[in-house]
Protein backbone atom coordinates (compact mmCIF):
# COMPACT_ATOMS: atom_id res chain seq x y z
CA MET A 1 -46.88 7.54 16.85
CA ARG A 2 -45.13 10.73 17.99
CA ALA A 3 -42.18 10.48 20.34
CA PRO A 4 -39.65 12.80 22.00
CA TYR A 5 -37.45 14.94 19.70
CA GLY A 6 -40.28 15.19 17.17
CA LEU A 7 -39.64 11.69 15.82
CA ASN A 8 -42.24 9.36 14.35
CA ILE A 9 -41.92 5.93 15.94
CA LEU A 10 -41.76 3.09 13.40
CA ASP A 11 -43.11 0.34 15.64
CA ASN A 12 -44.11 -2.19 12.97
CA CYS A 13 -41.44 -3.45 10.57
CA LEU A 14 -44.07 -4.77 8.15
CA THR A 15 -45.64 -1.33 7.64
CA CYS A 16 -42.41 0.69 7.70
CA PRO A 17 -42.52 3.05 4.68
CA VAL A 18 -38.80 2.59 3.92
CA ARG A 19 -38.62 -1.13 4.59
CA GLY A 20 -37.85 -1.97 0.96
CA GLU A 21 -34.88 0.41 0.89
CA HIS A 22 -32.90 -1.41 3.59
CA LEU A 23 -31.16 -4.76 3.26
CA PHE A 24 -32.07 -6.55 6.49
CA CYS A 25 -35.51 -4.96 6.92
CA ASN A 26 -36.78 -6.14 3.53
CA LEU A 27 -37.92 -9.59 4.70
CA SER A 28 -40.93 -11.72 3.76
CA VAL A 29 -44.16 -11.26 5.71
CA GLN A 30 -43.50 -14.36 7.84
CA ALA A 31 -39.92 -13.39 8.71
CA GLY A 32 -40.94 -9.76 9.23
CA GLN A 33 -43.65 -10.82 11.66
CA ARG A 34 -41.13 -12.86 13.64
CA LEU A 35 -38.82 -9.85 13.69
CA ASN A 36 -41.64 -7.75 15.13
CA GLU A 37 -42.09 -10.31 17.91
CA ILE A 38 -38.46 -10.43 19.03
CA LYS A 39 -37.37 -6.77 18.72
CA SER A 40 -37.91 -3.96 21.18
CA THR A 41 -38.16 -0.35 20.03
CA ALA A 42 -36.60 2.65 21.77
CA VAL A 43 -35.78 6.29 21.03
CA TYR A 44 -32.31 7.51 21.98
CA PRO A 45 -31.02 11.07 22.50
CA LYS A 46 -27.90 12.50 20.93
CA GLY A 47 -24.83 11.13 22.74
CA ALA A 48 -26.49 7.92 23.91
CA MET A 49 -24.21 4.86 23.83
CA LEU A 50 -25.83 1.79 22.29
CA PHE A 51 -22.84 -0.34 23.21
CA ILE A 52 -19.20 0.13 24.15
CA GLU A 53 -16.01 -1.34 22.72
CA GLY A 54 -14.99 -4.46 24.67
CA GLN A 55 -18.49 -5.11 26.04
CA GLN A 56 -19.86 -8.63 25.65
CA PRO A 57 -22.40 -8.81 22.82
CA ARG A 58 -25.94 -8.89 24.18
CA GLY A 59 -27.62 -8.23 20.84
CA VAL A 60 -27.83 -6.07 17.73
CA PHE A 61 -29.43 -2.70 17.05
CA VAL A 62 -31.26 -2.10 13.78
CA LEU A 63 -31.06 1.64 13.19
CA CYS A 64 -34.41 3.07 12.03
CA THR A 65 -33.78 6.82 12.15
CA GLY A 66 -30.82 9.03 13.03
CA LYS A 67 -27.08 8.50 12.64
CA VAL A 68 -24.62 6.54 14.78
CA LYS A 69 -20.88 7.06 15.12
CA LEU A 70 -18.82 3.86 15.32
CA SER A 71 -15.37 4.39 16.82
CA THR A 72 -12.44 2.54 18.33
CA THR A 73 -9.88 3.86 20.81
CA SER A 74 -6.26 2.86 21.42
CA ARG A 75 -4.68 2.45 24.85
CA ASP A 76 -3.11 5.90 24.61
CA GLY A 77 -6.53 7.49 23.98
CA LYS A 78 -6.34 8.00 20.20
CA THR A 79 -9.76 7.56 18.60
CA ILE A 80 -10.62 6.62 15.02
CA ILE A 81 -14.15 6.78 13.64
CA THR A 82 -14.60 3.66 11.54
CA LYS A 83 -18.03 4.46 10.13
CA ILE A 84 -21.04 6.75 10.29
CA SER A 85 -24.02 4.38 10.29
CA GLU A 86 -27.33 5.39 8.73
CA PRO A 87 -30.90 3.99 8.88
CA GLY A 88 -31.10 0.35 7.87
CA ASP A 89 -27.69 -0.61 9.27
CA ILE A 90 -27.41 -3.47 11.78
CA LEU A 91 -25.08 -2.40 14.57
CA GLY A 92 -23.07 -4.95 16.55
CA LEU A 93 -23.65 -7.72 14.04
CA ASN A 94 -20.03 -8.85 13.72
CA ALA A 95 -19.67 -9.28 17.47
CA VAL A 96 -23.01 -11.04 17.92
CA VAL A 97 -22.45 -13.58 15.13
CA SER A 98 -18.89 -14.38 16.29
CA ASN A 99 -19.84 -14.15 20.00
CA ARG A 100 -16.86 -11.89 20.65
CA PRO A 101 -16.82 -8.47 22.38
CA TYR A 102 -18.07 -5.45 20.46
CA GLU A 103 -15.09 -4.17 18.46
CA VAL A 104 -16.33 -0.56 18.40
CA THR A 105 -18.35 1.94 20.43
CA ALA A 106 -21.70 3.00 18.97
CA GLU A 107 -22.82 6.53 19.88
CA MET A 108 -25.91 8.37 18.64
CA MET A 109 -24.94 11.49 16.68
CA GLU A 110 -28.50 12.83 16.74
CA PRO A 111 -31.81 11.72 18.26
CA GLY A 112 -33.07 8.57 16.60
CA GLN A 113 -34.81 5.21 16.87
CA ALA A 114 -33.23 1.77 16.99
CA ASN A 115 -34.77 -1.68 17.37
CA PHE A 116 -32.87 -3.99 19.72
CA ILE A 117 -32.77 -7.76 19.05
CA PRO A 118 -31.26 -10.00 21.77
CA ARG A 119 -28.50 -12.33 20.58
CA ASP A 120 -30.35 -15.61 21.28
CA SER A 121 -33.48 -14.33 19.52
CA LEU A 122 -31.46 -13.29 16.47
CA MET A 123 -29.77 -16.70 16.28
CA HIS A 124 -33.16 -18.44 16.38
CA LEU A 125 -34.47 -16.11 13.65
CA LEU A 126 -31.52 -17.00 11.41
CA LYS A 127 -32.07 -20.72 11.93
CA GLU A 128 -35.80 -20.46 11.26
CA PHE A 129 -35.60 -18.23 8.18
CA PRO A 130 -32.76 -18.85 5.68
CA GLU A 131 -33.60 -15.57 3.93
CA ALA A 132 -32.66 -13.71 7.14
CA SER A 133 -29.36 -15.61 7.24
CA LEU A 134 -28.66 -14.49 3.68
CA LYS A 135 -29.40 -10.87 4.60
CA VAL A 136 -27.00 -11.11 7.53
CA ALA A 137 -24.30 -12.62 5.30
CA GLN A 138 -24.76 -9.76 2.84
CA GLN A 139 -24.54 -7.21 5.66
CA LEU A 140 -21.35 -8.81 7.00
CA SER A 141 -19.90 -8.65 3.48
CA ARG A 142 -20.73 -4.95 3.33
CA ASN A 143 -19.08 -4.45 6.72
CA TYR A 144 -15.94 -6.13 5.41
CA TYR A 145 -15.91 -3.91 2.32
CA CYS A 146 -16.30 -0.75 4.45
CA ALA A 147 -13.42 -1.87 6.69
CA TYR A 148 -11.30 -2.57 3.62
CA GLU A 149 -11.97 0.90 2.22
CA GLU A 150 -11.15 2.45 5.60
CA ILE A 151 -7.80 0.66 5.68
CA ARG A 152 -7.05 1.82 2.12
CA THR A 153 -7.87 5.42 3.00
CA LEU A 154 -5.80 5.49 6.19
CA GLY A 155 -2.95 3.27 5.03
CA LEU A 156 -2.38 4.06 1.36
CA ALA A 157 -3.21 7.76 1.09
CA VAL A 158 0.09 9.65 1.17
CA SER A 159 -1.17 12.97 2.50
CA PRO A 160 -3.94 14.45 4.66
CA SER A 161 -5.20 16.30 1.56
CA GLU A 162 -5.73 13.00 -0.26
CA LYS A 163 -7.50 11.46 2.74
CA PHE A 164 -9.72 14.53 3.05
CA ALA A 165 -10.55 14.49 -0.66
CA LYS A 166 -11.47 10.80 -0.45
CA LEU A 167 -13.77 11.52 2.48
CA LEU A 168 -15.53 14.34 0.62
CA LEU A 169 -15.98 12.10 -2.42
CA ALA A 170 -17.51 9.37 -0.25
CA TRP A 171 -19.89 11.84 1.40
CA SER A 172 -21.06 13.26 -1.91
CA SER A 173 -21.40 10.01 -3.88
CA LYS A 174 -25.17 9.81 -3.39
CA SER A 175 -25.96 13.48 -4.08
CA ALA A 176 -23.73 14.28 -7.04
CA ALA A 177 -25.27 16.39 -9.81
CA GLU A 178 -24.51 16.14 -13.51
CA ASP A 179 -22.12 19.11 -13.34
CA GLY A 180 -19.99 17.35 -10.69
CA SER A 181 -21.22 19.42 -7.75
CA ALA A 182 -22.89 18.07 -4.62
CA GLN A 183 -24.41 19.21 -1.35
CA VAL A 184 -23.91 17.38 1.93
CA LYS A 185 -25.29 18.11 5.40
CA LEU A 186 -22.25 18.48 7.65
CA THR A 187 -22.98 16.96 11.07
CA LEU A 188 -19.39 16.27 12.17
CA THR A 189 -17.04 18.56 14.08
CA HIS A 190 -13.48 19.14 12.86
CA GLU A 191 -12.34 16.83 15.67
CA GLU A 192 -14.61 14.04 14.41
CA VAL A 193 -13.46 14.53 10.81
CA ALA A 194 -9.89 14.21 12.09
CA GLU A 195 -10.83 10.94 13.79
CA MET A 196 -12.19 9.65 10.48
CA ILE A 197 -9.03 10.28 8.46
CA GLY A 198 -6.42 9.69 11.16
CA THR A 199 -5.07 13.21 11.59
CA THR A 200 -5.37 16.17 13.99
CA ARG A 201 -8.12 18.72 14.42
CA GLU A 202 -5.68 21.50 13.50
CA THR A 203 -4.85 19.76 10.22
CA VAL A 204 -8.54 19.36 9.38
CA SER A 205 -9.19 23.06 10.05
CA ARG A 206 -6.30 23.91 7.71
CA LEU A 207 -7.66 21.57 5.03
CA PHE A 208 -11.10 23.17 5.19
CA SER A 209 -9.49 26.58 4.67
CA GLU A 210 -7.28 25.36 1.82
CA PHE A 211 -10.09 23.60 -0.03
CA LYS A 212 -12.31 26.69 0.30
CA LYS A 213 -9.53 28.96 -1.03
CA LYS A 214 -9.10 26.63 -4.01
CA GLN A 215 -12.87 26.84 -4.55
CA LEU A 216 -13.22 23.08 -4.22
CA MET A 217 -15.95 23.53 -1.62
CA GLN A 218 -17.82 26.07 0.48
CA LEU A 219 -19.92 26.06 3.63
CA LYS A 220 -23.43 27.47 3.75
CA GLY A 221 -24.47 27.07 7.36
CA ALA A 222 -24.56 23.33 8.03
CA THR A 223 -24.49 22.52 4.30
CA LEU A 224 -21.20 21.58 2.67
CA VAL A 225 -21.23 22.44 -1.03
CA ILE A 226 -18.73 20.47 -3.11
CA ARG A 227 -18.09 22.46 -6.27
CA SER A 228 -16.35 19.80 -8.35
CA ARG A 229 -16.01 16.09 -7.68
CA PRO A 230 -13.65 15.72 -10.70
CA ALA A 231 -11.27 18.19 -9.05
CA LEU A 232 -11.29 16.10 -5.86
CA GLU A 233 -10.69 12.95 -7.90
CA LYS A 234 -7.57 14.56 -9.38
CA ILE A 235 -6.21 15.08 -5.86
CA VAL A 236 -6.80 11.43 -5.04
CA GLN A 237 -5.18 10.24 -8.27
CA SER A 238 -2.18 12.58 -8.16
């Protein structure tokens, strides 16, 4: 079914063509049917807020298409992006399971679809289907690992160059070629990159220039070409 922004609505989890690629979505027929009954589908524009940091958890969002920026803000207004979520991720899961306020703000980075599952309905699904509980436990474990890696990047990296190199390596991990090069679609502004590595926009702009001069990367429109992952790894290890 066609929807605004040229998207194809995935309104049935059992017939979703990428169901098997995503952790939580890859349920048995019985559990998948129950999921269909309790979720509601919606398309969101770029900039839409799925939930806001500090808000009481009303449910989770299973991202079907698009990307979502998860961020947290300090009292003095400093923002850190904790993760860029992609299709298959369950957003708001930590807060819903613990029944504590959402710890981050979830903002759509581009038009996309998400399925909303109310908290009470999700809890009943987990009680009825142990396999769904296992999927949630695995997702929570992944969330912990991502948070751990974020702390390592922000806390242990000694320089902005090292943090930036780590970020580029993470972006290119899925698209690396045999020669060590990779291509990544760049959807973040310099300000957002700064919020990911805990520095300023001016520093990020300088890093882009430096890495291009050293021929570590180049920009072709919205495509970021990483020339050599081994060279970036040397920066991280130095």
